[in-house]
């Protein structure tokens, strides 16, 4: 008798990412088409979570969503839930546990939809809860921040913070669909507006020289909150993230490398050290500048390119210095990043603009030198 039985199978995943304006306008069919694309016979049943910040910035948002559902024959299992967003919603089990209890209490099944309208933190927390109920409900993300539309909203991960760790708990759970509504962008506060710009620089520096050039050429437009260039930024950044997930060979991060976490070992630690006073986008900008300066020290990019990155980030409105950067605990972010990766460090750096390389070690004194560099005025 053979003492071994091997198992191997593949499961395809697909989800549309749609770009639109005024998703809940009565005649906008984008969301309906996404909901019924696998089964046009039944009436979709759903629950709707709306970020309180998005509702405040767009008064009547939840009411418009209810009217849209009635117009397009989407059955809401309960009135819309307007819940606080921001990092607090994903700090610990509390909110996620409440979401889980609610979904089970409403008898949502695996063909029901959890529609989430909000920023990345709410997408993470509600998405995490939905991924655990019946081993996964159908999640439709409608990200309302630039950062979420560029990055987290189009990815395949959920997560909450736990035991002092950023995204220490989470799941890989691809969404059923993503709807990026450009009309949320003008409603954003400056910090949320900048967040998407940071993620765009992150992915452009390691994947797309032409996109990086576009970003550098439009820093004034981003700082002045011009809508046209920001639309282009959001769509191209989302496309690059989707392309990496689709073609990178490791969508569920079973290997060592995390290219889309370029700059994030320091960024996540800065967020934690500041008690999340420093937002994710602002922290990513610093992390990208820091690791780009390190790449220049090692000769992987030129000093000119490193300076160009710092100047472009600063011209886009990002501070590149915070007092927390002098906290010795910042370097603990490398150890925590290594543990997150599975015990072996693998940090992504630019290898020239538009390309990347992975390295298994960083020199602490060189990191400190880069920190001192960022403290100096440009």
Protein backbone atom coordinates (compact mmCIF):
# COMPACT_ATOMS: atom_id res chain seq x y z
CA UNK A 1 0.00 0.00 0.00
CA UNK A 2 1.35 3.43 -0.97
CA UNK A 3 1.89 5.40 2.29
CA UNK A 4 1.44 8.72 0.52
CA UNK A 5 -1.39 10.40 -1.38
CA UNK A 6 -0.52 13.68 -3.03
CA UNK A 7 -3.06 16.40 -3.64
CA UNK A 8 -2.81 19.29 -6.08
CA UNK A 9 -5.51 21.54 -7.49
CA UNK A 10 -5.89 25.09 -8.71
CA UNK A 11 -8.78 27.46 -8.11
CA UNK A 12 -9.20 30.44 -10.45
CA UNK A 13 -10.16 33.80 -8.98
CA UNK A 14 -11.64 36.71 -10.86
CA UNK A 15 -13.19 39.99 -9.84
CA UNK A 16 -13.90 43.17 -11.78
CA UNK A 17 -12.51 46.53 -10.72
CA UNK A 18 -14.78 49.18 -12.21
CA UNK A 19 -14.05 52.90 -12.50
CA UNK A 20 -17.08 55.18 -12.49
CA UNK A 21 -18.61 58.41 -11.23
CA UNK A 22 -21.58 58.69 -8.86
CA UNK A 23 -21.95 54.99 -8.17
CA UNK A 24 -25.34 55.45 -6.47
CA UNK A 25 -26.85 57.70 -9.13
CA UNK A 26 -30.21 56.14 -10.07
CA UNK A 27 -29.16 55.39 -13.65
CA UNK A 28 -25.66 54.06 -12.85
CA UNK A 29 -25.69 50.31 -13.54
CA UNK A 30 -22.03 49.57 -12.72
CA UNK A 31 -22.67 48.10 -9.27
CA UNK A 32 -25.72 46.10 -10.40
CA UNK A 33 -23.79 44.53 -13.25
CA UNK A 34 -21.09 43.45 -10.80
CA UNK A 35 -23.63 41.95 -8.37
CA UNK A 36 -25.56 39.84 -10.88
CA UNK A 37 -22.75 38.83 -13.22
CA UNK A 38 -22.73 35.21 -11.95
CA UNK A 39 -26.49 34.85 -11.51
CA UNK A 40 -28.96 37.20 -13.15
CA UNK A 41 -32.05 35.27 -11.98
CA UNK A 42 -32.25 36.02 -8.27
CA UNK A 43 -32.74 39.22 -6.30
CA UNK A 44 -29.39 40.06 -4.67
CA UNK A 45 -29.58 40.15 -0.86
CA UNK A 46 -27.11 42.41 0.88
CA UNK A 47 -26.03 44.32 3.93
CA UNK A 48 -24.49 47.75 3.55
CA UNK A 49 -21.78 49.25 5.78
CA UNK A 50 -21.01 52.94 5.32
CA UNK A 51 -18.01 54.73 6.80
CA UNK A 52 -19.21 57.54 9.07
CA UNK A 53 -16.46 59.76 7.70
CA UNK A 54 -17.64 59.20 4.14
CA UNK A 55 -21.24 59.89 5.16
CA UNK A 56 -20.16 63.16 6.80
CA UNK A 57 -18.16 64.20 3.74
CA UNK A 58 -20.98 63.23 1.35
CA UNK A 59 -24.23 63.95 3.25
CA UNK A 60 -27.02 61.61 2.20
CA UNK A 61 -24.65 58.91 0.96
CA UNK A 62 -26.38 56.09 2.83
CA UNK A 63 -29.82 57.32 1.79
CA UNK A 64 -28.73 57.46 -1.86
CA UNK A 65 -27.46 53.88 -1.56
CA UNK A 66 -30.85 52.75 -0.19
CA UNK A 67 -32.67 54.45 -3.06
CA UNK A 68 -30.26 52.88 -5.55
CA UNK A 69 -30.90 49.41 -4.05
CA UNK A 70 -34.65 49.90 -4.39
CA UNK A 71 -34.25 51.07 -7.98
CA UNK A 72 -32.10 48.08 -8.95
CA UNK A 73 -33.98 45.43 -6.95
CA UNK A 74 -31.28 44.74 -4.37
CA UNK A 75 -32.81 43.48 -1.12
CA UNK A 76 -31.21 44.98 1.98
CA UNK A 77 -31.28 42.61 4.97
CA UNK A 78 -31.22 45.62 7.33
CA UNK A 79 -30.98 49.40 7.18
CA UNK A 80 -27.49 50.66 6.27
CA UNK A 81 -24.99 50.48 9.10
CA UNK A 82 -23.10 53.76 9.48
CA UNK A 83 -20.00 52.93 11.50
CA UNK A 84 -16.85 54.85 12.51
CA UNK A 85 -13.95 54.23 10.17
CA UNK A 86 -10.28 55.01 10.60
CA UNK A 87 -7.68 52.87 12.31
CA UNK A 88 -9.78 52.49 15.46
CA UNK A 89 -12.27 50.21 13.70
CA UNK A 90 -9.54 47.63 13.06
CA UNK A 91 -7.70 47.93 16.38
CA UNK A 92 -8.50 44.66 18.11
CA UNK A 93 -11.36 42.18 17.90
CA UNK A 94 -14.21 44.39 19.11
CA UNK A 95 -15.65 45.82 15.90
CA UNK A 96 -14.93 42.71 13.81
CA UNK A 97 -16.67 40.53 16.40
CA UNK A 98 -19.75 42.79 16.24
CA UNK A 99 -19.79 42.62 12.44
CA UNK A 100 -19.60 38.82 12.55
CA UNK A 101 -22.46 38.58 15.04
CA UNK A 102 -24.58 40.88 12.91
CA UNK A 103 -23.98 38.96 9.68
CA UNK A 104 -24.87 35.67 11.35
CA UNK A 105 -27.88 37.21 13.10
CA UNK A 106 -29.23 38.44 9.76
CA UNK A 107 -28.83 34.94 8.32
CA UNK A 108 -26.62 36.05 5.49
CA UNK A 109 -25.58 33.06 3.40
CA UNK A 110 -22.66 32.52 1.06
CA UNK A 111 -24.55 34.09 -1.84
CA UNK A 112 -25.39 37.26 0.08
CA UNK A 113 -23.39 40.42 -0.44
CA UNK A 114 -21.54 42.53 2.09
CA UNK A 115 -21.20 45.96 0.48
CA UNK A 116 -18.63 48.21 2.17
CA UNK A 117 -18.46 51.92 1.40
CA UNK A 118 -15.50 53.51 3.12
CA UNK A 119 -11.79 53.87 3.66
CA UNK A 120 -9.20 51.14 3.83
CA UNK A 121 -9.54 50.48 7.56
CA UNK A 122 -13.28 49.80 7.29
CA UNK A 123 -12.72 47.66 4.18
CA UNK A 124 -10.17 45.66 6.17
CA UNK A 125 -12.27 45.18 9.31
CA UNK A 126 -15.62 44.39 7.70
CA UNK A 127 -13.90 42.32 5.00
CA UNK A 128 -12.09 40.33 7.68
CA UNK A 129 -15.38 39.61 9.45
CA UNK A 130 -17.12 38.64 6.21
CA UNK A 131 -14.29 36.26 5.28
CA UNK A 132 -14.92 34.28 8.48
CA UNK A 133 -18.71 33.99 8.28
CA UNK A 134 -19.60 30.70 6.56
CA UNK A 135 -15.96 30.71 5.40
CA UNK A 136 -16.56 33.72 3.22
CA UNK A 137 -19.43 35.96 2.10
CA UNK A 138 -19.37 37.91 -1.16
CA UNK A 139 -17.72 41.25 -0.45
CA UNK A 140 -18.16 44.25 -2.71
CA UNK A 141 -15.75 47.06 -1.91
CA UNK A 142 -16.59 50.67 -2.71
CA UNK A 143 -13.46 52.47 -1.47
CA UNK A 144 -13.88 56.14 -0.70
CA UNK A 145 -10.27 57.23 -0.09
CA UNK A 146 -7.54 57.67 -2.67
CA UNK A 147 -5.30 55.21 -0.85
CA UNK A 148 -7.97 52.50 -0.79
CA UNK A 149 -8.86 53.06 -4.44
CA UNK A 150 -5.19 52.81 -5.41
CA UNK A 151 -4.09 49.93 -3.23
CA UNK A 152 -5.87 48.13 -0.40
CA UNK A 153 -9.32 48.26 -1.95
CA UNK A 154 -8.20 46.37 -5.07
CA UNK A 155 -6.05 43.78 -3.27
CA UNK A 156 -6.84 40.34 -1.90
CA UNK A 157 -6.15 40.83 1.81
CA UNK A 158 -8.11 41.73 4.93
CA UNK A 159 -6.72 42.44 8.37
CA UNK A 160 -7.05 43.89 11.83
CA UNK A 161 -4.42 45.10 14.28
CA UNK A 162 -3.87 42.86 17.29
CA UNK A 163 -1.46 42.56 20.22
CA UNK A 164 0.44 45.64 19.06
CA UNK A 165 0.94 44.32 15.54
CA UNK A 166 -0.26 46.07 12.39
CA UNK A 167 -2.51 43.62 10.47
CA UNK A 168 -1.41 40.84 12.82
CA UNK A 169 -4.66 38.98 12.10
CA UNK A 170 -6.12 38.68 8.64
CA UNK A 171 -7.15 36.54 5.71
CA UNK A 172 -6.58 36.29 1.99
CA UNK A 173 -10.06 36.85 0.63
CA UNK A 174 -10.42 38.30 -2.88
CA UNK A 175 -13.45 40.59 -3.18
CA UNK A 176 -16.42 39.77 -5.37
CA UNK A 177 -16.06 43.17 -7.04
CA UNK A 178 -14.54 46.61 -6.52
CA UNK A 179 -16.18 49.87 -7.61
CA UNK A 180 -13.90 52.92 -7.66
CA UNK A 181 -16.03 56.07 -7.74
CA UNK A 182 -13.86 59.07 -8.65
CA UNK A 183 -16.41 61.48 -7.18
CA UNK A 184 -15.34 60.56 -3.66
CA UNK A 185 -11.90 62.07 -4.26
CA UNK A 186 -12.85 65.79 -3.97
CA UNK A 187 -14.50 65.10 -0.59
CA UNK A 188 -11.27 63.92 1.04
CA UNK A 189 -9.27 65.76 3.66
CA UNK A 190 -5.71 66.54 2.61
CA UNK A 191 -4.21 63.57 4.49
CA UNK A 192 -6.54 61.11 2.80
CA UNK A 193 -5.94 62.75 -0.58
CA UNK A 194 -2.16 62.38 -0.13
CA UNK A 195 -2.43 58.73 0.86
CA UNK A 196 -3.06 57.59 -2.69
CA UNK A 197 -0.12 59.62 -3.96
CA UNK A 198 2.23 57.78 -1.60
CA UNK A 199 1.05 54.38 -2.83
CA UNK A 200 1.43 55.54 -6.43
CA UNK A 201 5.07 56.54 -5.87
CA UNK A 202 5.67 53.23 -4.09
CA UNK A 203 4.55 51.10 -7.02
CA UNK A 204 5.90 53.39 -9.78
CA UNK A 205 9.43 53.43 -8.36
CA UNK A 206 9.71 49.64 -8.51
CA UNK A 207 7.53 48.88 -11.55
CA UNK A 208 6.93 51.73 -14.02
CA UNK A 209 9.40 54.45 -14.99
CA UNK A 210 6.91 56.26 -17.24
CA UNK A 211 4.38 56.43 -14.40
CA UNK A 212 7.10 57.70 -12.06
CA UNK A 213 7.91 60.47 -14.55
CA UNK A 214 4.21 61.38 -14.70
CA UNK A 215 4.06 61.60 -10.90
CA UNK A 216 7.13 63.81 -10.72
CA UNK A 217 5.76 66.10 -13.44
CA UNK A 218 2.44 66.55 -11.65
CA UNK A 219 3.43 67.17 -8.04
CA UNK A 220 2.02 70.71 -8.13
CA UNK A 221 -1.24 69.40 -9.60
CA UNK A 222 -1.53 66.83 -6.81
CA UNK A 223 -0.76 69.43 -4.14
CA UNK A 224 -3.38 71.74 -5.67
CA UNK A 225 -5.89 68.85 -5.69
CA UNK A 226 -6.50 68.88 -9.44
CA UNK A 227 -9.07 66.22 -10.24
CA UNK A 228 -7.90 65.13 -13.70
CA UNK A 229 -4.33 64.13 -12.79
CA UNK A 230 -5.59 62.42 -9.62
CA UNK A 231 -8.05 60.29 -11.61
CA UNK A 232 -5.19 59.15 -13.84
CA UNK A 233 -3.01 58.44 -10.79
CA UNK A 234 -5.68 56.34 -9.09
CA UNK A 235 -6.50 54.25 -12.14
CA UNK A 236 -2.87 53.57 -13.15
CA UNK A 237 -1.85 52.76 -9.58
CA UNK A 238 -4.76 50.33 -9.22
CA UNK A 239 -3.88 48.71 -12.55
CA UNK A 240 -0.26 48.18 -11.46
CA UNK A 241 -1.37 46.59 -8.18
CA UNK A 242 -3.76 44.28 -10.02
CA UNK A 243 -1.06 43.40 -12.54
CA UNK A 244 1.34 42.43 -9.79
CA UNK A 245 -1.23 40.24 -8.04
CA UNK A 246 -2.16 38.62 -11.36
CA UNK A 247 1.32 38.06 -12.79
CA UNK A 248 3.65 38.05 -9.80
CA UNK A 249 3.24 34.31 -9.23
CA UNK A 250 2.44 34.64 -5.52
CA UNK A 251 -0.97 36.31 -5.01
CA UNK A 252 -1.41 34.85 -1.51
CA UNK A 253 2.16 35.62 -0.41
CA UNK A 254 3.36 32.10 0.25
CA UNK A 255 6.94 33.01 -0.67
CA UNK A 256 9.46 35.43 0.81
CA UNK A 257 9.11 38.59 -1.26
CA UNK A 258 6.50 41.31 -0.71
CA UNK A 259 7.20 43.84 -3.49
CA UNK A 260 4.04 45.82 -2.77
CA UNK A 261 5.35 46.35 0.76
CA UNK A 262 8.23 48.49 -0.50
CA UNK A 263 8.85 51.08 2.22
CA UNK A 264 6.42 49.41 4.60
CA UNK A 265 8.72 47.97 7.26
CA UNK A 266 9.40 51.49 8.50
CA UNK A 267 5.94 52.81 7.62
CA UNK A 268 4.06 50.31 9.76
CA UNK A 269 6.39 50.92 12.71
CA UNK A 270 6.00 54.70 12.39
CA UNK A 271 2.23 54.33 12.52
CA UNK A 272 2.46 52.23 15.68
CA UNK A 273 5.06 54.46 17.38
CA UNK A 274 2.90 57.52 16.76
CA UNK A 275 -0.27 55.86 18.03
CA UNK A 276 -1.54 56.22 14.44
CA UNK A 277 -1.19 60.00 14.56
CA UNK A 278 0.84 59.50 11.39
CA UNK A 279 -1.52 58.19 8.73
CA UNK A 280 -0.67 55.21 6.55
CA UNK A 281 -0.04 57.25 3.41
CA UNK A 282 2.22 59.73 5.18
CA UNK A 283 4.12 56.85 6.79
CA UNK A 284 4.53 55.08 3.43
CA UNK A 285 5.97 58.26 1.91
CA UNK A 286 8.63 58.33 4.63
CA UNK A 287 9.31 54.61 4.28
CA UNK A 288 9.73 54.92 0.52
CA UNK A 289 12.07 57.90 0.91
CA UNK A 290 14.08 56.04 3.56
CA UNK A 291 14.51 52.84 1.57
CA UNK A 292 15.27 54.79 -1.61
CA UNK A 293 18.03 56.66 0.25
CA UNK A 294 19.35 53.30 1.46
CA UNK A 295 19.31 51.99 -2.14
CA UNK A 296 21.38 55.01 -3.18
CA UNK A 297 23.92 54.31 -0.41
CA UNK A 298 24.27 50.77 -1.76
CA UNK A 299 24.54 51.95 -5.37
CA UNK A 300 21.29 50.33 -6.54
CA UNK A 301 19.95 53.70 -7.68
CA UNK A 302 21.77 56.97 -8.26
CA UNK A 303 21.98 59.74 -5.69
CA UNK A 304 20.18 61.90 -8.27
CA UNK A 305 17.25 59.46 -8.40
CA UNK A 306 17.06 59.29 -4.62
CA UNK A 307 16.99 63.09 -4.42
CA UNK A 308 14.34 63.20 -7.16
CA UNK A 309 12.16 60.82 -5.14
CA UNK A 310 12.49 62.91 -1.96
CA UNK A 311 11.81 66.17 -3.78
CA UNK A 312 8.76 64.79 -5.58
CA UNK A 313 7.29 63.44 -2.36
CA UNK A 314 7.91 66.74 -0.56
CA UNK A 315 6.48 68.75 -3.47
CA UNK A 316 3.37 66.54 -3.35
CA UNK A 317 2.82 67.67 0.24
CA UNK A 318 4.43 64.94 2.34
CA UNK A 319 6.47 65.61 5.47
CA UNK A 320 9.58 63.44 5.30
CA UNK A 321 10.53 63.80 8.95
CA UNK A 322 8.84 62.90 12.24
CA UNK A 323 10.38 62.77 15.75
CA UNK A 324 9.47 59.06 15.97
CA UNK A 325 12.16 58.37 13.36
CA UNK A 326 14.81 58.93 16.04
CA UNK A 327 13.19 56.38 18.34
CA UNK A 328 15.52 53.34 18.54
CA UNK A 329 12.39 51.17 18.38
CA UNK A 330 11.95 52.13 14.72
CA UNK A 331 14.54 49.52 13.76
CA UNK A 332 12.42 46.90 15.53
CA UNK A 333 10.19 47.28 12.49
CA UNK A 334 12.69 45.16 10.55
CA UNK A 335 12.38 42.30 13.04
CA UNK A 336 8.60 42.54 13.01
CA UNK A 337 8.60 42.63 9.21
CA UNK A 338 10.82 39.53 9.16
CA UNK A 339 8.41 37.71 11.46
CA UNK A 340 5.51 38.74 9.24
CA UNK A 341 7.33 37.28 6.25
CA UNK A 342 7.89 33.94 7.97
CA UNK A 343 11.25 34.29 9.68
CA UNK A 344 13.53 35.32 6.82
CA UNK A 345 14.00 38.98 5.93
CA UNK A 346 13.29 40.01 2.35
CA UNK A 347 13.13 43.74 1.71
CA UNK A 348 12.24 45.22 -1.67
CA UNK A 349 14.34 48.08 -3.06
CA UNK A 350 14.45 49.90 -6.38
CA UNK A 351 17.13 48.65 -8.77
CA UNK A 352 17.10 51.71 -10.96
CA UNK A 353 13.73 53.44 -11.33
CA UNK A 354 11.05 51.07 -12.62
CA UNK A 355 12.76 47.86 -11.48
CA UNK A 356 13.18 46.13 -8.15
CA UNK A 357 15.49 43.85 -6.21
CA UNK A 358 15.11 41.91 -2.96
CA UNK A 359 17.70 41.95 -0.18
CA UNK A 360 17.94 39.77 2.91
CA UNK A 361 19.71 42.21 5.22
CA UNK A 362 19.95 45.90 6.07
CA UNK A 363 22.79 47.57 7.95
CA UNK A 364 21.56 49.42 11.04
CA UNK A 365 24.14 52.19 10.83
CA UNK A 366 23.32 52.83 7.17
CA UNK A 367 19.64 53.07 8.12
CA UNK A 368 20.54 55.66 10.76
CA UNK A 369 22.55 57.57 8.16
CA UNK A 370 19.49 57.64 5.90
CA UNK A 371 17.34 58.86 8.81
CA UNK A 372 19.79 61.70 9.41
CA UNK A 373 19.63 62.51 5.68
CA UNK A 374 15.84 62.79 5.77
CA UNK A 375 16.05 65.19 8.71
CA UNK A 376 18.04 67.70 6.67
CA UNK A 377 16.12 70.29 4.62
CA UNK A 378 16.03 69.59 0.90
